[in-house]
C-alpha atoms as a PDB file:
ATOM      1  CA  MET A   1     -19.654 -19.153   4.168  1.00  0.00           C
ATOM      2  CA  PRO A   2     -22.652 -17.083   5.349  1.00  0.00           C
ATOM      3  CA  THR A   3     -22.841 -13.349   4.829  1.00  0.00           C
ATOM      4  CA  LYS A   4     -24.719 -10.944   7.056  1.00  0.00           C
ATOM      5  CA  LEU A   5     -24.597  -7.946   4.749  1.00  0.00           C
ATOM      6  CA  ARG A   6     -28.082  -6.740   3.898  1.00  0.00           C
ATOM      7  CA  GLY A   7     -30.149  -3.587   3.945  1.00  0.00           C
ATOM      8  CA  VAL A   8     -28.950  -0.001   3.889  1.00  0.00           C
ATOM      9  CA  ILE A   9     -25.226   0.161   3.192  1.00  0.00           C
ATOM     10  CA  ALA A  10     -23.449   3.487   2.765  1.00  0.00           C
ATOM     11  CA  ALA A  11     -20.579   3.694   0.332  1.00  0.00           C
ATOM     12  CA  VAL A  12     -18.814   5.573   3.089  1.00  0.00           C
ATOM     13  CA  ALA A  13     -16.635   8.577   2.260  1.00  0.00           C
ATOM     14  CA  THR A  14     -12.976   8.663   3.267  1.00  0.00           C
ATOM     15  CA  ALA A  15     -11.805  11.903   4.851  1.00  0.00           C
ATOM     16  CA  VAL A  16      -8.528  13.277   3.524  1.00  0.00           C
ATOM     17  CA  ASP A  17      -5.988  15.564   5.128  1.00  0.00           C
ATOM     18  CA  GLU A  18      -4.492  18.738   3.667  1.00  0.00           C
ATOM     19  CA  GLY A  19      -2.020  16.677   1.655  1.00  0.00           C
ATOM     20  CA  GLY A  20      -4.695  14.430   0.143  1.00  0.00           C
ATOM     21  CA  ALA A  21      -3.845  11.384   2.273  1.00  0.00           C
ATOM     22  CA  PRO A  22      -6.542   9.457   4.165  1.00  0.00           C
ATOM     23  CA  ASP A  23      -7.597  10.943   7.500  1.00  0.00           C
ATOM     24  CA  ALA A  24      -8.333   7.831   9.532  1.00  0.00           C
ATOM     25  CA  ALA A  25      -9.708   9.562  12.627  1.00  0.00           C
ATOM     26  CA  ARG A  26     -12.383  11.505  10.740  1.00  0.00           C
ATOM     27  CA  SER A  27     -13.201   8.488   8.597  1.00  0.00           C
ATOM     28  CA  VAL A  28     -13.735   6.236  11.606  1.00  0.00           C
ATOM     29  CA  LYS A  29     -15.891   8.861  13.308  1.00  0.00           C
ATOM     30  CA  LEU A  30     -18.190   9.071  10.271  1.00  0.00           C
ATOM     31  CA  ALA A  31     -18.380   5.286  10.008  1.00  0.00           C
ATOM     32  CA  ARG A  32     -19.487   5.003  13.622  1.00  0.00           C
ATOM     33  CA  PHE A  33     -22.048   7.787  13.160  1.00  0.00           C
ATOM     34  CA  LEU A  34     -23.582   6.080  10.126  1.00  0.00           C
ATOM     35  CA  LEU A  35     -23.782   2.692  11.816  1.00  0.00           C
ATOM     36  CA  ASP A  36     -25.534   4.363  14.736  1.00  0.00           C
ATOM     37  CA  THR A  37     -28.025   6.351  12.663  1.00  0.00           C
ATOM     38  CA  GLY A  38     -29.482   3.973  10.098  1.00  0.00           C
ATOM     39  CA  CYS A  39     -26.875   1.996   8.189  1.00  0.00           C
ATOM     40  CA  ASP A  40     -27.000  -1.783   8.423  1.00  0.00           C
ATOM     41  CA  GLY A  41     -23.490  -1.878   6.986  1.00  0.00           C
ATOM     42  CA  LEU A  42     -20.809   0.086   5.197  1.00  0.00           C
ATOM     43  CA  ASN A  43     -18.833  -0.270   1.995  1.00  0.00           C
ATOM     44  CA  VAL A  44     -15.374   1.053   2.867  1.00  0.00           C
ATOM     45  CA  LEU A  45     -12.931   2.244   0.185  1.00  0.00           C
ATOM     46  CA  GLY A  46     -15.268   2.100  -2.759  1.00  0.00           C
ATOM     47  CA  THR A  47     -15.716   4.780  -5.399  1.00  0.00           C
ATOM     48  CA  THR A  48     -17.151   7.266  -2.895  1.00  0.00           C
ATOM     49  CA  GLY A  49     -14.304   6.291  -0.577  1.00  0.00           C
ATOM     50  CA  GLU A  50     -11.830   7.342  -3.331  1.00  0.00           C
ATOM     51  CA  ALA A  51      -9.978   4.026  -3.053  1.00  0.00           C
ATOM     52  CA  THR A  52      -8.284   4.192  -6.433  1.00  0.00           C
ATOM     53  CA  SER A  53      -6.780   7.591  -5.535  1.00  0.00           C
ATOM     54  CA  PHE A  54      -4.841   6.027  -2.649  1.00  0.00           C
ATOM     55  CA  SER A  55      -1.724   3.881  -2.644  1.00  0.00           C
ATOM     56  CA  LEU A  56      -1.691   0.236  -1.661  1.00  0.00           C
ATOM     57  CA  ALA A  57      -0.143   1.143   1.703  1.00  0.00           C
ATOM     58  CA  GLN A  58      -2.727   3.863   2.322  1.00  0.00           C
ATOM     59  CA  ARG A  59      -5.609   1.534   1.537  1.00  0.00           C
ATOM     60  CA  LYS A  60      -4.235  -1.101   3.908  1.00  0.00           C
ATOM     61  CA  ALA A  61      -3.763   1.527   6.606  1.00  0.00           C
ATOM     62  CA  VAL A  62      -7.367   2.708   6.289  1.00  0.00           C
ATOM     63  CA  MET A  63      -8.607  -0.888   6.632  1.00  0.00           C
ATOM     64  CA  THR A  64      -6.449  -1.420   9.692  1.00  0.00           C
ATOM     65  CA  ALA A  65      -7.703   1.827  11.254  1.00  0.00           C
ATOM     66  CA  TYR A  66     -11.285   0.592  11.019  1.00  0.00           C
ATOM     67  CA  ARG A  67     -10.299  -2.644  12.745  1.00  0.00           C
ATOM     68  CA  ASP A  68      -8.228  -0.886  15.410  1.00  0.00           C
ATOM     69  CA  ALA A  69     -11.130   1.452  16.196  1.00  0.00           C
ATOM     70  CA  GLY A  70     -13.260  -1.543  17.137  1.00  0.00           C
ATOM     71  CA  LEU A  71     -15.811  -1.043  14.400  1.00  0.00           C
ATOM     72  CA  PRO A  72     -17.974  -4.116  13.704  1.00  0.00           C
ATOM     73  CA  LEU A  73     -16.167  -5.567  10.698  1.00  0.00           C
ATOM     74  CA  ASP A  74     -18.917  -8.168  10.266  1.00  0.00           C
ATOM     75  CA  ARG A  75     -21.028  -5.241   9.011  1.00  0.00           C
ATOM     76  CA  LEU A  76     -18.357  -3.861   6.649  1.00  0.00           C
ATOM     77  CA  MET A  77     -17.300  -4.816   3.136  1.00  0.00           C
ATOM     78  CA  VAL A  78     -14.206  -3.213   1.657  1.00  0.00           C
ATOM     79  CA  GLY A  79     -13.120  -2.410  -1.876  1.00  0.00           C
ATOM     80  CA  THR A  80     -10.071  -4.453  -2.864  1.00  0.00           C
ATOM     81  CA  GLY A  81     -10.105  -4.322  -6.669  1.00  0.00           C
ATOM     82  CA  ALA A  82      -7.083  -2.938  -8.517  1.00  0.00           C
ATOM     83  CA  ALA A  83      -5.636  -2.658 -12.002  1.00  0.00           C
ATOM     84  CA  ALA A  84      -2.832  -5.057 -11.001  1.00  0.00           C
ATOM     85  CA  THR A  85      -3.895  -8.541  -9.942  1.00  0.00           C
ATOM     86  CA  ALA A  86      -1.103  -8.692  -7.354  1.00  0.00           C
ATOM     87  CA  ASP A  87      -2.404  -5.511  -5.714  1.00  0.00           C
ATOM     88  CA  ALA A  88      -5.952  -6.870  -5.637  1.00  0.00           C
ATOM     89  CA  VAL A  89      -4.641 -10.080  -4.063  1.00  0.00           C
ATOM     90  CA  ALA A  90      -2.670  -8.143  -1.433  1.00  0.00           C
ATOM     91  CA  LEU A  91      -5.648  -5.957  -0.535  1.00  0.00           C
ATOM     92  CA  THR A  92      -8.093  -8.869  -0.407  1.00  0.00           C
ATOM     93  CA  ARG A  93      -5.729 -10.885   1.786  1.00  0.00           C
ATOM     94  CA  HIS A  94      -5.395  -7.919   4.133  1.00  0.00           C
ATOM     95  CA  ALA A  95      -9.174  -7.563   4.323  1.00  0.00           C
ATOM     96  CA  ALA A  96      -9.518 -11.271   5.096  1.00  0.00           C
ATOM     97  CA  GLU A  97      -6.835 -11.169   7.793  1.00  0.00           C
ATOM     98  CA  LEU A  98      -8.510  -8.195   9.485  1.00  0.00           C
ATOM     99  CA  GLY A  99     -11.925  -9.859   9.430  1.00  0.00           C
ATOM    100  CA  PHE A 100     -13.995  -7.766   7.021  1.00  0.00           C
ATOM    101  CA  ALA A 101     -17.320  -9.321   6.047  1.00  0.00           C
ATOM    102  CA  GLY A 102     -16.617  -9.104   2.340  1.00  0.00           C
ATOM    103  CA  ALA A 103     -14.310  -7.866  -0.405  1.00  0.00           C
ATOM    104  CA  LEU A 104     -15.853  -5.736  -3.165  1.00  0.00           C
ATOM    105  CA  ILE A 105     -13.844  -6.259  -6.327  1.00  0.00           C
ATOM    106  CA  LEU A 106     -13.680  -4.006  -9.357  1.00  0.00           C
ATOM    107  CA  PRO A 107     -12.431  -5.580 -12.566  1.00  0.00           C
ATOM    108  CA  PRO A 108      -8.809  -4.713 -13.489  1.00  0.00           C
ATOM    109  CA  PHE A 109      -9.795  -1.490 -15.133  1.00  0.00           C
ATOM    110  CA  TYR A 110      -6.931  -0.232 -17.308  1.00  0.00           C
ATOM    111  CA  TYR A 111      -7.140  -2.572 -20.309  1.00  0.00           C
ATOM    112  CA  LYS A 112     -10.499  -2.329 -22.054  1.00  0.00           C
ATOM    113  CA  GLY A 113     -12.194  -4.968 -24.143  1.00  0.00           C
ATOM    114  CA  VAL A 114     -10.446  -7.853 -22.451  1.00  0.00           C
ATOM    115  CA  PRO A 115     -12.038 -11.313 -22.819  1.00  0.00           C
ATOM    116  CA  ASP A 116     -13.982 -13.028 -20.098  1.00  0.00           C
ATOM    117  CA  ASP A 117     -11.127 -15.503 -19.748  1.00  0.00           C
ATOM    118  CA  GLY A 118      -8.897 -12.670 -18.564  1.00  0.00           C
ATOM    119  CA  LEU A 119     -11.426 -11.451 -16.009  1.00  0.00           C
ATOM    120  CA  ALA A 120     -11.998 -15.018 -14.838  1.00  0.00           C
ATOM    121  CA  ALA A 121      -8.249 -15.455 -14.345  1.00  0.00           C
ATOM    122  CA  TYR A 122      -8.137 -12.280 -12.241  1.00  0.00           C
ATOM    123  CA  ILE A 123     -10.913 -13.495  -9.947  1.00  0.00           C
ATOM    124  CA  GLY A 124      -9.410 -16.981  -9.882  1.00  0.00           C
ATOM    125  CA  ALA A 125      -6.093 -15.609  -8.649  1.00  0.00           C
ATOM    126  CA  ILE A 126      -7.819 -13.697  -5.837  1.00  0.00           C
ATOM    127  CA  VAL A 127      -9.923 -16.691  -4.820  1.00  0.00           C
ATOM    128  CA  THR A 128      -6.905 -19.001  -4.767  1.00  0.00           C
ATOM    129  CA  ALA A 129      -4.785 -16.533  -2.793  1.00  0.00           C
ATOM    130  CA  THR A 130      -7.452 -16.219  -0.084  1.00  0.00           C
ATOM    131  CA  ALA A 131      -8.418 -19.885   0.129  1.00  0.00           C
ATOM    132  CA  GLU A 132      -7.079 -20.259   3.676  1.00  0.00           C
ATOM    133  CA  GLN A 133      -9.139 -17.265   4.842  1.00  0.00           C
ATOM    134  CA  PRO A 134     -12.056 -17.381   2.404  1.00  0.00           C
ATOM    135  CA  ILE A 135     -13.480 -13.888   2.621  1.00  0.00           C
ATOM    136  CA  PRO A 136     -16.798 -13.553   0.748  1.00  0.00           C
ATOM    137  CA  ILE A 137     -16.356 -11.827  -2.612  1.00  0.00           C
ATOM    138  CA  TYR A 138     -18.726  -9.265  -4.091  1.00  0.00           C
ATOM    139  CA  LEU A 139     -18.275  -8.204  -7.709  1.00  0.00           C
ATOM    140  CA  TYR A 140     -18.397  -4.465  -8.405  1.00  0.00           C
ATOM    141  CA  HIS A 141     -20.217  -3.670 -11.653  1.00  0.00           C
ATOM    142  CA  PHE A 142     -19.546  -0.056 -12.651  1.00  0.00           C
ATOM    143  CA  PRO A 143     -18.874  -0.159 -16.403  1.00  0.00           C
ATOM    144  CA  SER A 144     -19.098   3.615 -16.927  1.00  0.00           C
ATOM    145  CA  GLN A 145     -16.073   4.011 -14.657  1.00  0.00           C
ATOM    146  CA  SER A 146     -14.162   0.744 -15.010  1.00  0.00           C
ATOM    147  CA  GLY A 147     -14.911   0.216 -18.693  1.00  0.00           C
ATOM    148  CA  LEU A 148     -15.358  -3.499 -17.980  1.00  0.00           C
ATOM    149  CA  PRO A 149     -18.719  -5.079 -17.173  1.00  0.00           C
ATOM    150  CA  TRP A 150     -19.346  -8.200 -15.158  1.00  0.00           C
ATOM    151  CA  HIS A 151     -21.567  -9.847 -17.768  1.00  0.00           C
ATOM    152  CA  VAL A 152     -24.334 -12.039 -16.368  1.00  0.00           C
ATOM    153  CA  LYS A 153     -22.930 -15.078 -18.193  1.00  0.00           C
ATOM    154  CA  LEU A 154     -19.498 -14.401 -16.715  1.00  0.00           C
ATOM    155  CA  ILE A 155     -20.966 -14.074 -13.227  1.00  0.00           C
ATOM    156  CA  ALA A 156     -22.681 -17.444 -13.642  1.00  0.00           C
ATOM    157  CA  ARG A 157     -19.366 -18.930 -14.783  1.00  0.00           C
ATOM    158  CA  LEU A 158     -17.570 -17.529 -11.726  1.00  0.00           C
ATOM    159  CA  LEU A 159     -20.249 -18.832  -9.368  1.00  0.00           C
ATOM    160  CA  GLU A 160     -19.846 -22.294 -10.833  1.00  0.00           C
ATOM    161  CA  ALA A 161     -16.047 -22.191 -10.760  1.00  0.00           C
ATOM    162  CA  HIS A 162     -15.726 -20.855  -7.210  1.00  0.00           C
ATOM    163  CA  LYS A 163     -18.628 -22.381  -5.339  1.00  0.00           C
ATOM    164  CA  GLY A 164     -19.500 -20.450  -2.192  1.00  0.00           C
ATOM    165  CA  ARG A 165     -16.908 -17.702  -2.659  1.00  0.00           C
ATOM    166  CA  ILE A 166     -18.732 -15.258  -4.961  1.00  0.00           C
ATOM    167  CA  VAL A 167     -21.719 -14.148  -2.893  1.00  0.00           C
ATOM    168  CA  GLY A 168     -23.031 -10.955  -4.440  1.00  0.00           C
ATOM    169  CA  LEU A 169     -22.703  -7.900  -6.623  1.00  0.00           C
ATOM    170  CA  LYS A 170     -22.858  -4.134  -6.280  1.00  0.00           C
ATOM    171  CA  ASP A 171     -24.480  -2.732  -9.397  1.00  0.00           C
ATOM    172  CA  SER A 172     -23.598   0.887 -10.140  1.00  0.00           C
ATOM    173  CA  SER A 173     -24.669   0.716 -13.782  1.00  0.00           C
ATOM    174  CA  GLY A 174     -28.057   2.299 -13.163  1.00  0.00           C
ATOM    175  CA  ASP A 175     -29.607  -0.432 -15.343  1.00  0.00           C
ATOM    176  CA  MET A 176     -32.295  -1.972 -13.159  1.00  0.00           C
ATOM    177  CA  ASN A 177     -33.036  -4.666 -15.745  1.00  0.00           C
ATOM    178  CA  TYR A 178     -29.415  -5.804 -15.456  1.00  0.00           C
ATOM    179  CA  ALA A 179     -29.678  -5.728 -11.662  1.00  0.00           C
ATOM    180  CA  ARG A 180     -32.808  -7.882 -11.698  1.00  0.00           C
ATOM    181  CA  GLU A 181     -31.245 -10.325 -14.157  1.00  0.00           C
ATOM    182  CA  ALA A 182     -28.124 -10.591 -12.004  1.00  0.00           C
ATOM    183  CA  ALA A 183     -30.248 -11.137  -8.896  1.00  0.00           C
ATOM    184  CA  GLY A 184     -31.857 -14.113 -10.599  1.00  0.00           C
ATOM    185  CA  ILE A 185     -28.608 -15.905 -11.443  1.00  0.00           C
ATOM    186  CA  ALA A 186     -28.688 -18.127  -8.378  1.00  0.00           C
ATOM    187  CA  PRO A 187     -30.555 -18.410  -5.076  1.00  0.00           C
ATOM    188  CA  GLY A 188     -28.799 -16.405  -2.388  1.00  0.00           C
ATOM    189  CA  PHE A 189     -26.766 -14.291  -4.810  1.00  0.00           C
ATOM    190  CA  ASN A 190     -27.074 -10.875  -3.183  1.00  0.00           C
ATOM    191  CA  VAL A 191     -27.392  -7.891  -5.502  1.00  0.00           C
ATOM    192  CA  PHE A 192     -27.180  -4.326  -4.198  1.00  0.00           C
ATOM    193  CA  PRO A 193     -28.155  -1.540  -6.614  1.00  0.00           C
ATOM    194  CA  SER A 194     -26.302   1.701  -5.991  1.00  0.00           C
ATOM    195  CA  THR A 195     -29.399   3.806  -5.383  1.00  0.00           C
ATOM    196  CA  GLU A 196     -31.701   3.966  -2.377  1.00  0.00           C
ATOM    197  CA  ALA A 197     -34.586   4.436  -4.814  1.00  0.00           C
ATOM    198  CA  CYS A 198     -34.706   0.619  -5.081  1.00  0.00           C
ATOM    199  CA  LEU A 199     -35.347   0.009  -1.374  1.00  0.00           C
ATOM    200  CA  ILE A 200     -39.109  -0.523  -1.520  1.00  0.00           C
ATOM    201  CA  GLU A 201     -38.657  -3.028  -4.354  1.00  0.00           C
ATOM    202  CA  ALA A 202     -35.778  -4.607  -2.447  1.00  0.00           C
ATOM    203  CA  ARG A 203     -38.085  -5.347   0.472  1.00  0.00           C
ATOM    204  CA  SER A 204     -39.809  -7.934  -1.717  1.00  0.00           C
ATOM    205  CA  GLY A 205     -36.592  -9.958  -1.665  1.00  0.00           C
ATOM    206  CA  VAL A 206     -35.386  -9.310  -5.199  1.00  0.00           C
ATOM    207  CA  PHE A 207     -32.411  -7.292  -3.905  1.00  0.00           C
ATOM    208  CA  ALA A 208     -30.408  -7.553  -0.694  1.00  0.00           C
ATOM    209  CA  GLY A 209     -30.657  -3.805  -0.135  1.00  0.00           C
ATOM    210  CA  CYS A 210     -28.662  -0.927  -1.590  1.00  0.00           C
ATOM    211  CA  ILE A 211     -25.107   0.379  -1.440  1.00  0.00           C
ATOM    212  CA  SER A 212     -25.426   4.118  -1.921  1.00  0.00           C
ATOM    213  CA  ALA A 213     -23.096   7.109  -1.859  1.00  0.00           C
ATOM    214  CA  THR A 214     -25.884   9.372  -0.641  1.00  0.00           C
ATOM    215  CA  ALA A 215     -26.588   7.092   2.326  1.00  0.00           C
ATOM    216  CA  ASN A 216     -23.735   9.110   3.851  1.00  0.00           C
ATOM    217  CA  LEU A 217     -26.358  11.871   4.046  1.00  0.00           C
ATOM    218  CA  ASN A 218     -29.758  10.199   4.448  1.00  0.00           C
ATOM    219  CA  ALA A 219     -29.169   6.861   6.216  1.00  0.00           C
ATOM    220  CA  ASP A 220     -31.973   7.365   8.721  1.00  0.00           C
ATOM    221  CA  LEU A 221     -34.498   7.985   5.946  1.00  0.00           C
ATOM    222  CA  CYS A 222     -33.223   5.013   3.969  1.00  0.00           C
ATOM    223  CA  GLN A 223     -33.587   2.769   6.988  1.00  0.00           C
ATOM    224  CA  ARG A 224     -37.206   3.801   7.450  1.00  0.00           C
ATOM    225  CA  ALA A 225     -37.863   2.850   3.838  1.00  0.00           C
ATOM    226  CA  TRP A 226     -36.030  -0.482   4.153  1.00  0.00           C
ATOM    227  CA  SER A 227     -37.345  -1.620   7.518  1.00  0.00           C
ATOM    228  CA  ALA A 228     -40.883  -0.223   7.390  1.00  0.00           C
ATOM    229  CA  GLY A 229     -41.625   0.480   3.722  1.00  0.00           C
ATOM    230  CA  ASP A 230     -41.983   4.193   4.533  1.00  0.00           C
ATOM    231  CA  GLN A 231     -42.570   5.807   1.154  1.00  0.00           C
ATOM    232  CA  ALA A 232     -42.496   9.385   2.485  1.00  0.00           C
ATOM    233  CA  ALA A 233     -39.097   8.786   4.048  1.00  0.00           C
ATOM    234  CA  LEU A 234     -37.869   7.260   0.792  1.00  0.00           C
ATOM    235  CA  ASP A 235     -39.148  10.241  -1.172  1.00  0.00           C
ATOM    236  CA  SER A 236     -37.119  12.568   1.051  1.00  0.00           C
ATOM    237  CA  ALA A 237     -34.060  10.327   0.751  1.00  0.00           C
ATOM    238  CA  VAL A 238     -34.346  10.285  -3.045  1.00  0.00           C
ATOM    239  CA  ALA A 239     -34.820  14.070  -3.107  1.00  0.00           C
ATOM    240  CA  ILE A 240     -31.458  14.360  -1.360  1.00  0.00           C
ATOM    241  CA  ARG A 241     -29.852  12.022  -3.891  1.00  0.00           C
ATOM    242  CA  LYS A 242     -31.254  14.013  -6.817  1.00  0.00           C
ATOM    243  CA  LEU A 243     -29.439  17.130  -5.593  1.00  0.00           C
ATOM    244  CA  PHE A 244     -26.319  15.672  -7.189  1.00  0.00           C
ATOM    245  CA  ASP A 245     -27.766  14.667 -10.553  1.00  0.00           C
ATOM    246  CA  GLY A 246     -25.386  15.777 -13.290  1.00  0.00           C
ATOM    247  CA  LYS A 247     -22.792  16.937 -10.763  1.00  0.00           C
ATOM    248  CA  PRO A 248     -19.637  15.307  -9.359  1.00  0.00           C
ATOM    249  CA  LEU A 249     -21.135  12.899  -6.852  1.00  0.00           C
ATOM    250  CA  VAL A 250     -18.155  12.215  -4.610  1.00  0.00           C
ATOM    251  CA  SER A 251     -17.174  15.843  -4.106  1.00  0.00           C
ATOM    252  CA  GLY A 252     -20.846  16.722  -3.691  1.00  0.00           C
ATOM    253  CA  VAL A 253     -21.405  14.147  -0.978  1.00  0.00           C
ATOM    254  CA  LYS A 254     -18.274  15.303   0.826  1.00  0.00           C
ATOM    255  CA  ALA A 255     -19.285  18.974   0.621  1.00  0.00           C
ATOM    256  CA  THR A 256     -22.649  18.100   2.132  1.00  0.00           C
ATOM    257  CA  LEU A 257     -20.977  16.022   4.836  1.00  0.00           C
ATOM    258  CA  ALA A 258     -19.013  19.174   5.733  1.00  0.00           C
ATOM    259  CA  HIS A 259     -22.337  21.015   6.025  1.00  0.00           C
ATOM    260  CA  ILE A 260     -24.070  18.313   8.069  1.00  0.00           C
ATOM    261  CA  HIS A 261     -21.225  17.790  10.515  1.00  0.00           C
ATOM    262  CA  GLY A 262     -20.031  21.387  10.704  1.00  0.00           C
ATOM    263  CA  ASP A 263     -16.547  20.312   9.641  1.00  0.00           C
ATOM    264  CA  PRO A 264     -15.122  22.047   6.548  1.00  0.00           C
ATOM    265  CA  ALA A 265     -12.345  19.441   6.302  1.00  0.00           C
ATOM    266  CA  TRP A 266     -14.875  16.942   5.000  1.00  0.00           C
ATOM    267  CA  ALA A 267     -15.106  18.901   1.742  1.00  0.00           C
ATOM    268  CA  ARG A 268     -11.552  17.884   0.809  1.00  0.00           C
ATOM    269  CA  VAL A 269     -11.044  15.321  -1.937  1.00  0.00           C
ATOM    270  CA  ALA A 270      -7.901  13.581  -3.138  1.00  0.00           C
ATOM    271  CA  PRO A 271      -6.522  14.353  -6.616  1.00  0.00           C
ATOM    272  CA  PRO A 272      -7.609  13.897  -9.347  1.00  0.00           C
ATOM    273  CA  LEU A 273     -11.029  14.850  -7.959  1.00  0.00           C
ATOM    274  CA  ALA A 274     -11.687  18.532  -7.324  1.00  0.00           C
ATOM    275  CA  PRO A 275     -13.819  20.118  -4.605  1.00  0.00           C
ATOM    276  CA  PHE A 276     -17.456  20.951  -5.274  1.00  0.00           C
ATOM    277  CA  SER A 277     -17.844  24.486  -6.590  1.00  0.00           C
ATOM    278  CA  ALA A 278     -19.101  27.182  -4.215  1.00  0.00           C
ATOM    279  CA  ALA A 279     -22.318  27.559  -6.223  1.00  0.00           C
ATOM    280  CA  ASP A 280     -23.008  23.832  -6.271  1.00  0.00           C
ATOM    281  CA  ARG A 281     -22.211  23.601  -2.572  1.00  0.00           C
ATOM    282  CA  ALA A 282     -24.677  26.358  -1.703  1.00  0.00           C
ATOM    283  CA  SER A 283     -27.380  24.775  -3.866  1.00  0.00           C
ATOM    284  CA  ALA A 284     -26.872  21.282  -2.442  1.00  0.00           C
ATOM    285  CA  ASN A 285     -26.809  22.491   1.140  1.00  0.00           C
ATOM    286  CA  ALA A 286     -30.023  24.474   0.680  1.00  0.00           C
ATOM    287  CA  GLY A 287     -31.667  21.500  -1.013  1.00  0.00           C
ATOM    288  CA  TYR A 288     -30.524  19.175   1.765  1.00  0.00           C
ATOM    289  CA  ASP A 289     -31.936  21.466   4.442  1.00  0.00           C
ATOM    290  CA  ALA A 290     -35.233  21.744   2.544  1.00  0.00           C
ATOM    291  CA  ALA A 291     -35.510  17.951   2.183  1.00  0.00           C
ATOM    292  CA  ARG A 292     -34.852  17.559   5.898  1.00  0.00           C
ATOM    293  CA  ALA A 293     -37.497  20.157   6.715  1.00  0.00           C
ATOM    294  CA  ARG A 294     -40.206  18.120   5.003  1.00  0.00           C
ATOM    295  CA  LYS A 295     -42.718  16.616   7.371  1.00  0.00           C
ATOM    296  CA  VAL A 296     -42.139  12.841   7.205  1.00  0.00           C
ATOM    297  CA  ALA A 297     -45.012  11.309   9.171  1.00  0.00           C
END
């Protein structure tokens, strides 16, 4: 079950309307723009895509909108994890039926401190339910948000139990030692750190690329780093990412998308997130413009 997902992948934002529901038309337009300007692929409905703020029906509708728009689903993975195993199964089945290249699966995040047996049963149920359409599965490691880590030993156990189905991991822990250890679990196990800062190292083959929220804003620079090892471009890309250090990342990215695309509607977020403050928005926009004004030879 080969996977084509490699390189610069944006954790693409989901536009929302005035009522906080997904805005499919704006979302599709951004996806197409990113694929045309530097992204090798997209992670739809992840954390930056506010997936867990949307209902099951809304998440399915967003997936279907991407398919109906004719976007290249072989370049898109989609978040299908949920607190309820049945919801994760339903979302992963829908992704498989539509033809997405992979399903990115958070652990079932409400109960904390659960044993590995419980997490293994969750993944086992998803694998079994999608056996007829075996979509590649990527584990989503974001313990600061989910409260549940995909331990390296558990990952190895899942790889052994479900040969060929578990193909990679998105690591949003920020722990590069963990990311490197996970990347060494098995040949061909594709690990994507959540920061573009890893892209030069990734070129050596240790990582499959990155899946980054700020690739919504700097995909062209990231691609120059990934494809050509362009350190100056990477420095500018990382400078853009650092604008959001210590600030709400999702609302910050969306505020800057509004600035880049001249569309104030992009600054909307779904509850419980809140919009970026006016002061933070002004600072981020000025920093973005300054980073873009740098001469990148």
